[in-house]
Amino acid sequence: MKIPVQLLLILCLFSCTHQSNQKDQVLEKLDDFIAHSDSSYSKPYY
């Protein structure tokens, strides 16, 4: 599951610099939450 997040991080490096800090913060928060989660599941969303 961390592969898409890392891919998004790579995309952030090529985006506008004035926005990259906010995106990095979002991805760090997401990575941190996933790393400390007890369980996870996925489902289709319509």
All heavy atoms as atom14 arrays in JSON, in Angstrom:
{
  "sequence": "MKIPVQLLLILCLFSCTHQSNQKDQVLEKLDDFIAHSDSSYSKPYY",
  "atom14_mask": [
    [1, 1, 1, 1, 1, 1, 1, 1, 0, 0, 0, 0, 0, 0],
    [1, 1, 1, 1, 1, 1, 1, 1, 1, 0, 0, 0, 0, 0],
    [1, 1, 1, 1, 1, 1, 1, 1, 0, 0, 0, 0, 0, 0],
    [1, 1, 1, 1, 1, 1, 1, 0, 0, 0, 0, 0, 0, 0],
    [1, 1, 1, 1, 1, 1, 1, 0, 0, 0, 0, 0, 0, 0],
    [1, 1, 1, 1, 1, 1, 1, 1, 1, 0, 0, 0, 0, 0],
    [1, 1, 1, 1, 1, 1, 1, 1, 0, 0, 0, 0, 0, 0],
    [1, 1, 1, 1, 1, 1, 1, 1, 0, 0, 0, 0, 0, 0],
    [1, 1, 1, 1, 1, 1, 1, 1, 0, 0, 0, 0, 0, 0],
    [1, 1, 1, 1, 1, 1, 1, 1, 0, 0, 0, 0, 0, 0],
    [1, 1, 1, 1, 1, 1, 1, 1, 0, 0, 0, 0, 0, 0],
    [1, 1, 1, 1, 1, 1, 0, 0, 0, 0, 0, 0, 0, 0],
    [1, 1, 1, 1, 1, 1, 1, 1, 0, 0, 0, 0, 0, 0],
    [1, 1, 1, 1, 1, 1, 1, 1, 1, 1, 1, 0, 0, 0],
    [1, 1, 1, 1, 1, 1, 0, 0, 0, 0, 0, 0, 0, 0],
    [1, 1, 1, 1, 1, 1, 0, 0, 0, 0, 0, 0, 0, 0],
    [1, 1, 1, 1, 1, 1, 1, 0, 0, 0, 0, 0, 0, 0],
    [1, 1, 1, 1, 1, 1, 1, 1, 1, 1, 0, 0, 0, 0],
    [1, 1, 1, 1, 1, 1, 1, 1, 1, 0, 0, 0, 0, 0],
    [1, 1, 1, 1, 1, 1, 0, 0, 0, 0, 0, 0, 0, 0],
    [1, 1, 1, 1, 1, 1, 1, 1, 0, 0, 0, 0, 0, 0],
    [1, 1, 1, 1, 1, 1, 1, 1, 1, 0, 0, 0, 0, 0],
    [1, 1, 1, 1, 1, 1, 1, 1, 1, 0, 0, 0, 0, 0],
    [1, 1, 1, 1, 1, 1, 1, 1, 0, 0, 0, 0, 0, 0],
    [1, 1, 1, 1, 1, 1, 1, 1, 1, 0, 0, 0, 0, 0],
    [1, 1, 1, 1, 1, 1, 1, 0, 0, 0, 0, 0, 0, 0],
    [1, 1, 1, 1, 1, 1, 1, 1, 0, 0, 0, 0, 0, 0],
    [1, 1, 1, 1, 1, 1, 1, 1, 1, 0, 0, 0, 0, 0],
    [1, 1, 1, 1, 1, 1, 1, 1, 1, 0, 0, 0, 0, 0],
    [1, 1, 1, 1, 1, 1, 1, 1, 0, 0, 0, 0, 0, 0],
    [1, 1, 1, 1, 1, 1, 1, 1, 0, 0, 0, 0, 0, 0],
    [1, 1, 1, 1, 1, 1, 1, 1, 0, 0, 0, 0, 0, 0],
    [1, 1, 1, 1, 1, 1, 1, 1, 1, 1, 1, 0, 0, 0],
    [1, 1, 1, 1, 1, 1, 1, 1, 0, 0, 0, 0, 0, 0],
    [1, 1, 1, 1, 1, 0, 0, 0, 0, 0, 0, 0, 0, 0],
    [1, 1, 1, 1, 1, 1, 1, 1, 1, 1, 0, 0, 0, 0],
    [1, 1, 1, 1, 1, 1, 0, 0, 0, 0, 0, 0, 0, 0],
    [1, 1, 1, 1, 1, 1, 1, 1, 0, 0, 0, 0, 0, 0],
    [1, 1, 1, 1, 1, 1, 0, 0, 0, 0, 0, 0, 0, 0],
    [1, 1, 1, 1, 1, 1, 0, 0, 0, 0, 0, 0, 0, 0],
    [1, 1, 1, 1, 1, 1, 1, 1, 1, 1, 1, 1, 0, 0],
    [1, 1, 1, 1, 1, 1, 0, 0, 0, 0, 0, 0, 0, 0],
    [1, 1, 1, 1, 1, 1, 1, 1, 1, 0, 0, 0, 0, 0],
    [1, 1, 1, 1, 1, 1, 1, 0, 0, 0, 0, 0, 0, 0],
    [1, 1, 1, 1, 1, 1, 1, 1, 1, 1, 1, 1, 0, 0],
    [1, 1, 1, 1, 1, 1, 1, 1, 1, 1, 1, 1, 0, 0]
  ],
  "atom14_positions": [
    [[0.81, -1.2, 0.0], [0.0, 0.0, 0.0], [0.86, 1.26, 0.0], [0.42, 2.28, -0.46], [-0.92, -0.06, 1.24], [-1.94, 1.01, 1.25], [-2.96, 0.75, -0.2], [-3.67, 2.3, -0.39], [0.0, 0.0, 0.0], [0.0, 0.0, 0.0], [0.0, 0.0, 0.0], [0.0, 0.0, 0.0], [0.0, 0.0, 0.0], [0.0, 0.0, 0.0]],
    [[2.09, 1.17, 0.47], [2.93, 2.35, 0.53], [3.51, 2.72, -0.83], [3.94, 3.84, -1.01], [4.06, 2.14, 1.53], [3.57, 2.14, 2.96], [4.72, 2.15, 3.91], [4.17, 2.18, 5.32], [5.21, 2.34, 6.3], [0.0, 0.0, 0.0], [0.0, 0.0, 0.0], [0.0, 0.0, 0.0], [0.0, 0.0, 0.0], [0.0, 0.0, 0.0]],
    [[3.47, 1.84, -1.79], [4.02, 2.15, -3.11], [3.29, 3.32, -3.76], [3.94, 4.26, -4.22], [4.0, 0.89, -4.02], [4.99, -0.14, -3.48], [4.34, 1.26, -5.46], [4.92, -1.47, -4.15], [0.0, 0.0, 0.0], [0.0, 0.0, 0.0], [0.0, 0.0, 0.0], [0.0, 0.0, 0.0], [0.0, 0.0, 0.0], [0.0, 0.0, 0.0]],
    [[1.93, 3.37, -3.8], [1.28, 4.53, -4.4], [1.6, 5.83, -3.66], [1.73, 6.87, -4.29], [-0.21, 4.21, -4.31], [-0.28, 2.73, -4.24], [0.96, 2.32, -3.49], [0.0, 0.0, 0.0], [0.0, 0.0, 0.0], [0.0, 0.0, 0.0], [0.0, 0.0, 0.0], [0.0, 0.0, 0.0], [0.0, 0.0, 0.0], [0.0, 0.0, 0.0]],
    [[1.74, 5.79, -2.36], [2.07, 6.98, -1.59], [3.47, 7.45, -1.98], [3.71, 8.64, -2.19], [1.97, 6.72, -0.07], [2.49, 7.9, 0.71], [0.54, 6.4, 0.31], [0.0, 0.0, 0.0], [0.0, 0.0, 0.0], [0.0, 0.0, 0.0], [0.0, 0.0, 0.0], [0.0, 0.0, 0.0], [0.0, 0.0, 0.0], [0.0, 0.0, 0.0]],
    [[4.41, 6.52, -2.14], [5.75, 6.9, -2.56], [5.74, 7.43, -3.98], [6.47, 8.37, -4.29], [6.69, 5.7, -2.42], [6.93, 5.32, -0.97], [7.63, 3.98, -0.83], [7.67, 3.19, -1.76], [8.17, 3.73, 0.35], [0.0, 0.0, 0.0], [0.0, 0.0, 0.0], [0.0, 0.0, 0.0], [0.0, 0.0, 0.0], [0.0, 0.0, 0.0]],
    [[4.92, 6.86, -4.83], [4.81, 7.35, -6.19], [4.27, 8.78, -6.19], [4.77, 9.64, -6.92], [3.88, 6.45, -7.02], [3.66, 6.83, -8.47], [4.98, 6.83, -9.23], [2.68, 5.88, -9.11], [0.0, 0.0, 0.0], [0.0, 0.0, 0.0], [0.0, 0.0, 0.0], [0.0, 0.0, 0.0], [0.0, 0.0, 0.0], [0.0, 0.0, 0.0]],
    [[3.3, 9.05, -5.34], [2.75, 10.39, -5.23], [3.82, 11.35, -4.71], [3.9, 12.49, -5.15], [1.53, 10.4, -4.32], [0.72, 11.68, -4.27], [0.27, 12.09, -5.67], [-0.48, 11.51, -3.37], [0.0, 0.0, 0.0], [0.0, 0.0, 0.0], [0.0, 0.0, 0.0], [0.0, 0.0, 0.0], [0.0, 0.0, 0.0], [0.0, 0.0, 0.0]],
    [[4.67, 10.88, -3.82], [5.77, 11.7, -3.31], [6.71, 12.08, -4.44], [7.16, 13.22, -4.54], [6.52, 10.97, -2.21], [7.66, 11.71, -1.54], [7.16, 12.99, -0.9], [8.33, 10.83, -0.51], [0.0, 0.0, 0.0], [0.0, 0.0, 0.0], [0.0, 0.0, 0.0], [0.0, 0.0, 0.0], [0.0, 0.0, 0.0], [0.0, 0.0, 0.0]],
    [[7.0, 11.15, -5.35], [7.86, 11.43, -6.49], [7.2, 12.49, -7.38], [7.86, 13.42, -7.85], [8.16, 10.15, -7.29], [9.06, 9.23, -6.46], [8.79, 10.47, -8.63], [9.19, 7.83, -7.0], [0.0, 0.0, 0.0], [0.0, 0.0, 0.0], [0.0, 0.0, 0.0], [0.0, 0.0, 0.0], [0.0, 0.0, 0.0], [0.0, 0.0, 0.0]],
    [[5.89, 12.36, -7.59], [5.18, 13.37, -8.37], [5.27, 14.75, -7.73], [5.35, 15.76, -8.42], [3.71, 12.98, -8.55], [3.44, 11.77, -9.44], [1.96, 11.41, -9.38], [3.86, 12.04, -10.86], [0.0, 0.0, 0.0], [0.0, 0.0, 0.0], [0.0, 0.0, 0.0], [0.0, 0.0, 0.0], [0.0, 0.0, 0.0], [0.0, 0.0, 0.0]],
    [[5.27, 14.77, -6.4], [5.37, 16.05, -5.68], [6.68, 16.75, -6.0], [6.73, 17.97, -6.08], [5.3, 15.83, -4.17], [3.68, 15.38, -3.59], [0.0, 0.0, 0.0], [0.0, 0.0, 0.0], [0.0, 0.0, 0.0], [0.0, 0.0, 0.0], [0.0, 0.0, 0.0], [0.0, 0.0, 0.0], [0.0, 0.0, 0.0], [0.0, 0.0, 0.0]],
    [[7.75, 15.99, -6.19], [9.05, 16.59, -6.45], [9.07, 17.35, -7.77], [9.85, 18.28, -7.94], [10.13, 15.51, -6.44], [10.34, 14.8, -5.11], [11.34, 13.66, -5.29], [10.79, 15.76, -4.04], [0.0, 0.0, 0.0], [0.0, 0.0, 0.0], [0.0, 0.0, 0.0], [0.0, 0.0, 0.0], [0.0, 0.0, 0.0], [0.0, 0.0, 0.0]],
    [[8.2, 16.98, -8.7], [8.16, 17.63, -10.0], [7.06, 18.67, -10.1], [6.85, 19.25, -11.15], [7.97, 16.57, -11.1], [9.12, 15.63, -11.19], [9.03, 14.36, -10.65], [10.31, 16.03, -11.77], [10.1, 13.49, -10.7], [11.39, 15.15, -11.83], [11.29, 13.88, -11.3], [0.0, 0.0, 0.0], [0.0, 0.0, 0.0], [0.0, 0.0, 0.0]],
    [[6.32, 18.94, -9.03], [5.23, 19.91, -9.06], [5.73, 21.3, -8.7], [6.91, 21.5, -8.41], [4.12, 19.49, -8.1], [4.57, 19.58, -6.78], [0.0, 0.0, 0.0], [0.0, 0.0, 0.0], [0.0, 0.0, 0.0], [0.0, 0.0, 0.0], [0.0, 0.0, 0.0], [0.0, 0.0, 0.0], [0.0, 0.0, 0.0], [0.0, 0.0, 0.0]],
    [[4.85, 22.24, -8.67], [5.22, 23.62, -8.34], [5.8, 23.68, -6.94], [5.28, 23.08, -6.01], [3.98, 24.52, -8.42], [3.27, 24.6, -10.06], [0.0, 0.0, 0.0], [0.0, 0.0, 0.0], [0.0, 0.0, 0.0], [0.0, 0.0, 0.0], [0.0, 0.0, 0.0], [0.0, 0.0, 0.0], [0.0, 0.0, 0.0], [0.0, 0.0, 0.0]],
    [[6.87, 24.45, -6.79], [7.58, 24.48, -5.51], [6.77, 25.14, -4.41], [6.91, 24.77, -3.26], [8.93, 25.21, -5.66], [8.68, 26.52, -6.16], [9.86, 24.46, -6.58], [0.0, 0.0, 0.0], [0.0, 0.0, 0.0], [0.0, 0.0, 0.0], [0.0, 0.0, 0.0], [0.0, 0.0, 0.0], [0.0, 0.0, 0.0], [0.0, 0.0, 0.0]],
    [[5.91, 26.1, -4.73], [5.15, 26.77, -3.69], [4.09, 25.87, -3.06], [3.57, 26.17, -2.01], [4.5, 28.05, -4.23], [3.47, 27.82, -5.28], [3.8, 27.67, -6.6], [2.13, 27.72, -5.2], [2.7, 27.47, -7.3], [1.68, 27.5, -6.48], [0.0, 0.0, 0.0], [0.0, 0.0, 0.0], [0.0, 0.0, 0.0], [0.0, 0.0, 0.0]],
    [[3.8, 24.76, -3.71], [2.79, 23.86, -3.19], [3.41, 22.58, -2.63], [2.77, 21.86, -1.89], [1.82, 23.51, -4.32], [0.59, 22.8, -3.84], [-0.27, 22.34, -4.98], [0.1, 22.34, -6.13], [-1.46, 21.93, -4.64], [0.0, 0.0, 0.0], [0.0, 0.0, 0.0], [0.0, 0.0, 0.0], [0.0, 0.0, 0.0], [0.0, 0.0, 0.0]],
    [[4.66, 22.31, -2.93], [5.26, 21.03, -2.55], [5.33, 20.84, -1.05], [5.19, 19.72, -0.57], [6.64, 20.87, -3.18], [7.52, 21.85, -2.7], [0.0, 0.0, 0.0], [0.0, 0.0, 0.0], [0.0, 0.0, 0.0], [0.0, 0.0, 0.0], [0.0, 0.0, 0.0], [0.0, 0.0, 0.0], [0.0, 0.0, 0.0], [0.0, 0.0, 0.0]],
    [[5.52, 21.89, -0.27], [5.6, 21.77, 1.17], [4.29, 21.24, 1.75], [4.3, 20.35, 2.59], [5.98, 23.11, 1.8], [6.3, 22.96, 3.26], [6.84, 21.96, 3.7], [5.94, 23.97, 4.03], [0.0, 0.0, 0.0], [0.0, 0.0, 0.0], [0.0, 0.0, 0.0], [0.0, 0.0, 0.0], [0.0, 0.0, 0.0], [0.0, 0.0, 0.0]],
    [[3.15, 21.77, 1.29], [1.85, 21.3, 1.78], [1.62, 19.85, 1.39], [1.14, 19.06, 2.19], [0.7, 22.16, 1.24], [0.66, 23.55, 1.79], [1.35, 24.54, 0.89], [2.17, 24.2, 0.03], [1.04, 25.8, 1.08], [0.0, 0.0, 0.0], [0.0, 0.0, 0.0], [0.0, 0.0, 0.0], [0.0, 0.0, 0.0], [0.0, 0.0, 0.0]],
    [[1.97, 19.5, 0.17], [1.8, 18.12, -0.29], [2.68, 17.17, 0.51], [2.26, 16.09, 0.89], [2.1, 18.0, -1.78], [1.02, 18.63, -2.64], [1.4, 18.7, -4.08], [1.56, 17.36, -4.71], [1.77, 17.44, -6.17], [0.0, 0.0, 0.0], [0.0, 0.0, 0.0], [0.0, 0.0, 0.0], [0.0, 0.0, 0.0], [0.0, 0.0, 0.0]],
    [[3.92, 17.58, 0.78], [4.82, 16.76, 1.58], [4.25, 16.53, 2.97], [4.33, 15.43, 3.51], [6.21, 17.41, 1.69], [6.97, 17.38, 0.37], [6.58, 16.61, -0.54], [7.95, 18.13, 0.26], [0.0, 0.0, 0.0], [0.0, 0.0, 0.0], [0.0, 0.0, 0.0], [0.0, 0.0, 0.0], [0.0, 0.0, 0.0], [0.0, 0.0, 0.0]],
    [[3.67, 17.57, 3.55], [3.08, 17.44, 4.88], [1.9, 16.46, 4.86], [1.74, 15.66, 5.79], [2.64, 18.8, 5.4], [3.78, 19.72, 5.74], [3.34, 21.12, 6.09], [2.15, 21.45, 6.04], [4.29, 21.95, 6.45], [0.0, 0.0, 0.0], [0.0, 0.0, 0.0], [0.0, 0.0, 0.0], [0.0, 0.0, 0.0], [0.0, 0.0, 0.0]],
    [[1.09, 16.52, 3.81], [-0.04, 15.59, 3.68], [0.48, 14.15, 3.6], [-0.01, 13.26, 4.29], [-0.9, 15.93, 2.44], [-1.89, 14.82, 2.14], [-1.62, 17.25, 2.63], [0.0, 0.0, 0.0], [0.0, 0.0, 0.0], [0.0, 0.0, 0.0], [0.0, 0.0, 0.0], [0.0, 0.0, 0.0], [0.0, 0.0, 0.0], [0.0, 0.0, 0.0]],
    [[1.48, 13.93, 2.76], [2.01, 12.58, 2.58], [2.7, 12.07, 3.84], [2.59, 10.89, 4.17], [2.97, 12.55, 1.39], [2.3, 12.85, 0.05], [3.34, 12.94, -1.05], [1.25, 11.82, -0.28], [0.0, 0.0, 0.0], [0.0, 0.0, 0.0], [0.0, 0.0, 0.0], [0.0, 0.0, 0.0], [0.0, 0.0, 0.0], [0.0, 0.0, 0.0]],
    [[3.39, 12.94, 4.55], [4.02, 12.54, 5.81], [2.96, 12.13, 6.83], [3.11, 11.13, 7.53], [4.88, 13.67, 6.37], [6.17, 13.88, 5.62], [6.94, 15.1, 6.11], [6.69, 15.56, 7.24], [7.79, 15.58, 5.34], [0.0, 0.0, 0.0], [0.0, 0.0, 0.0], [0.0, 0.0, 0.0], [0.0, 0.0, 0.0], [0.0, 0.0, 0.0]],
    [[1.89, 12.91, 6.9], [0.8, 12.6, 7.84], [0.16, 11.26, 7.47], [-0.11, 10.43, 8.34], [-0.23, 13.71, 7.81], [-1.27, 13.61, 8.9], [-2.04, 14.92, 8.99], [-2.86, 15.01, 10.22], [-2.15, 15.37, 11.42], [0.0, 0.0, 0.0], [0.0, 0.0, 0.0], [0.0, 0.0, 0.0], [0.0, 0.0, 0.0], [0.0, 0.0, 0.0]],
    [[-0.04, 11.02, 6.18], [-0.62, 9.76, 5.72], [0.3, 8.59, 6.02], [-0.13, 7.58, 6.56], [-0.93, 9.85, 4.22], [-1.52, 8.61, 3.57], [-2.83, 8.22, 4.24], [-1.73, 8.85, 2.09], [0.0, 0.0, 0.0], [0.0, 0.0, 0.0], [0.0, 0.0, 0.0], [0.0, 0.0, 0.0], [0.0, 0.0, 0.0], [0.0, 0.0, 0.0]],
    [[1.58, 8.73, 5.68], [2.55, 7.66, 5.96], [2.62, 7.35, 7.46], [2.67, 6.18, 7.86], [3.95, 8.04, 5.47], [4.15, 7.75, 3.99], [3.38, 6.94, 3.43], [5.09, 8.32, 3.42], [0.0, 0.0, 0.0], [0.0, 0.0, 0.0], [0.0, 0.0, 0.0], [0.0, 0.0, 0.0], [0.0, 0.0, 0.0], [0.0, 0.0, 0.0]],
    [[2.6, 8.39, 8.28], [2.67, 8.2, 9.73], [1.43, 7.46, 10.24], [1.54, 6.53, 11.04], [2.81, 9.56, 10.43], [2.97, 9.41, 11.93], [3.93, 8.72, 12.35], [2.15, 9.98, 12.69], [0.0, 0.0, 0.0], [0.0, 0.0, 0.0], [0.0, 0.0, 0.0], [0.0, 0.0, 0.0], [0.0, 0.0, 0.0], [0.0, 0.0, 0.0]],
    [[0.27, 7.83, 9.75], [-0.96, 7.17, 10.19], [-0.95, 5.7, 9.77], [-1.25, 4.82, 10.57], [-2.2, 7.86, 9.63], [-3.46, 7.43, 10.33], [-3.98, 8.2, 11.35], [-4.1, 6.24, 10.01], [-5.13, 7.8, 12.03], [-5.24, 5.83, 10.67], [-5.76, 6.62, 11.69], [0.0, 0.0, 0.0], [0.0, 0.0, 0.0], [0.0, 0.0, 0.0]],
    [[-0.57, 5.42, 8.53], [-0.54, 4.05, 8.04], [0.45, 3.21, 8.84], [0.17, 2.08, 9.21], [-0.21, 4.01, 6.53], [-1.4, 4.57, 5.74], [0.13, 2.6, 6.06], [-1.13, 4.79, 4.27], [0.0, 0.0, 0.0], [0.0, 0.0, 0.0], [0.0, 0.0, 0.0], [0.0, 0.0, 0.0], [0.0, 0.0, 0.0], [0.0, 0.0, 0.0]],
    [[1.61, 3.79, 9.15], [2.63, 3.06, 9.91], [2.15, 2.7, 11.31], [2.57, 1.68, 11.87], [3.9, 3.9, 10.0], [0.0, 0.0, 0.0], [0.0, 0.0, 0.0], [0.0, 0.0, 0.0], [0.0, 0.0, 0.0], [0.0, 0.0, 0.0], [0.0, 0.0, 0.0], [0.0, 0.0, 0.0], [0.0, 0.0, 0.0], [0.0, 0.0, 0.0]],
    [[1.27, 3.5, 11.89], [0.8, 3.25, 13.26], [-0.61, 2.65, 13.33], [-1.2, 2.57, 14.39], [0.85, 4.55, 14.07], [2.24, 5.03, 14.3], [2.85, 5.96, 13.49], [3.16, 4.68, 15.23], [4.07, 6.17, 13.92], [4.3, 5.41, 14.97], [0.0, 0.0, 0.0], [0.0, 0.0, 0.0], [0.0, 0.0, 0.0], [0.0, 0.0, 0.0]],
    [[-1.13, 2.23, 12.19], [-2.47, 1.64, 12.2], [-2.44, 0.19, 12.66], [-1.45, -0.52, 12.47], [-3.12, 1.75, 10.82], [-2.41, 1.0, 9.88], [0.0, 0.0, 0.0], [0.0, 0.0, 0.0], [0.0, 0.0, 0.0], [0.0, 0.0, 0.0], [0.0, 0.0, 0.0], [0.0, 0.0, 0.0], [0.0, 0.0, 0.0], [0.0, 0.0, 0.0]],
    [[-3.52, -0.22, 13.31], [-3.63, -1.59, 13.81], [-4.13, -2.54, 12.74], [-3.77, -3.71, 12.71], [-4.62, -1.64, 15.0], [-4.18, -0.75, 16.14], [-2.98, -0.74, 16.46], [-5.04, -0.05, 16.7], [0.0, 0.0, 0.0], [0.0, 0.0, 0.0], [0.0, 0.0, 0.0], [0.0, 0.0, 0.0], [0.0, 0.0, 0.0], [0.0, 0.0, 0.0]],
    [[-5.0, -2.04, 11.88], [-5.57, -2.89, 10.83], [-5.99, -2.0, 9.67], [-6.06, -0.79, 9.78], [-6.76, -3.68, 11.37], [-7.78, -2.8, 11.81], [0.0, 0.0, 0.0], [0.0, 0.0, 0.0], [0.0, 0.0, 0.0], [0.0, 0.0, 0.0], [0.0, 0.0, 0.0], [0.0, 0.0, 0.0], [0.0, 0.0, 0.0], [0.0, 0.0, 0.0]],
    [[-6.28, -2.67, 8.55], [-6.73, -1.93, 7.37], [-7.58, -2.83, 6.5], [-7.52, -4.05, 6.61], [-5.53, -1.41, 6.58], [-4.8, -2.49, 6.04], [0.0, 0.0, 0.0], [0.0, 0.0, 0.0], [0.0, 0.0, 0.0], [0.0, 0.0, 0.0], [0.0, 0.0, 0.0], [0.0, 0.0, 0.0], [0.0, 0.0, 0.0], [0.0, 0.0, 0.0]],
    [[-8.37, -2.21, 5.66], [-9.13, -2.94, 4.65], [-9.47, -1.99, 3.52], [-9.43, -0.77, 3.67], [-10.4, -3.56, 5.25], [-11.43, -2.57, 5.73], [-12.48, -2.19, 4.91], [-11.37, -2.03, 7.02], [-13.44, -1.3, 5.35], [-12.32, -1.14, 7.47], [-13.36, -0.77, 6.62], [-14.29, 0.13, 7.06], [0.0, 0.0, 0.0], [0.0, 0.0, 0.0]],
    [[-9.77, -2.55, 2.36], [-10.17, -1.78, 1.18], [-11.47, -2.32, 0.65], [-11.79, -3.5, 0.85], [-9.1, -1.88, 0.09], [-7.91, -1.27, 0.49], [0.0, 0.0, 0.0], [0.0, 0.0, 0.0], [0.0, 0.0, 0.0], [0.0, 0.0, 0.0], [0.0, 0.0, 0.0], [0.0, 0.0, 0.0], [0.0, 0.0, 0.0], [0.0, 0.0, 0.0]],
    [[-12.21, -1.46, -0.02], [-13.46, -1.88, -0.63], [-13.74, -1.01, -1.85], [-13.22, 0.11, -1.95], [-14.6, -1.82, 0.37], [-14.98, -0.41, 0.8], [-16.16, -0.45, 1.75], [-16.66, 0.96, 2.04], [-17.85, 0.97, 2.86], [0.0, 0.0, 0.0], [0.0, 0.0, 0.0], [0.0, 0.0, 0.0], [0.0, 0.0, 0.0], [0.0, 0.0, 0.0]],
    [[-14.54, -1.53, -2.77], [-14.92, -0.7, -3.92], [-15.77, 0.47, -3.46], [-16.48, 0.39, -2.46], [-15.75, -1.65, -4.8], [-15.6, -2.99, -4.22], [-15.09, -2.86, -2.82], [0.0, 0.0, 0.0], [0.0, 0.0, 0.0], [0.0, 0.0, 0.0], [0.0, 0.0, 0.0], [0.0, 0.0, 0.0], [0.0, 0.0, 0.0], [0.0, 0.0, 0.0]],
    [[-15.66, 1.56, -4.17], [-16.43, 2.75, -3.85], [-17.12, 3.17, -5.13], [-16.5, 3.26, -6.18], [-15.49, 3.85, -3.35], [-16.15, 4.88, -2.49], [-16.35, 4.65, -1.14], [-16.58, 6.09, -3.02], [-16.95, 5.6, -0.33], [-17.18, 7.04, -2.22], [-17.36, 6.79, -0.88], [-17.95, 7.74, -0.08], [0.0, 0.0, 0.0], [0.0, 0.0, 0.0]],
    [[-18.38, 3.41, -5.08], [-19.16, 3.57, -6.3], [-19.52, 5.03, -6.57], [-20.67, 5.41, -6.6], [-20.41, 2.7, -6.24], [-20.04, 1.25, -6.1], [-20.12, 0.6, -4.88], [-19.53, 0.55, -7.18], [-19.74, -0.72, -4.75], [-19.15, -0.77, -7.06], [-19.26, -1.4, -5.84], [-18.87, -2.7, -5.72], [0.0, 0.0, 0.0], [0.0, 0.0, 0.0]]
  ]
}
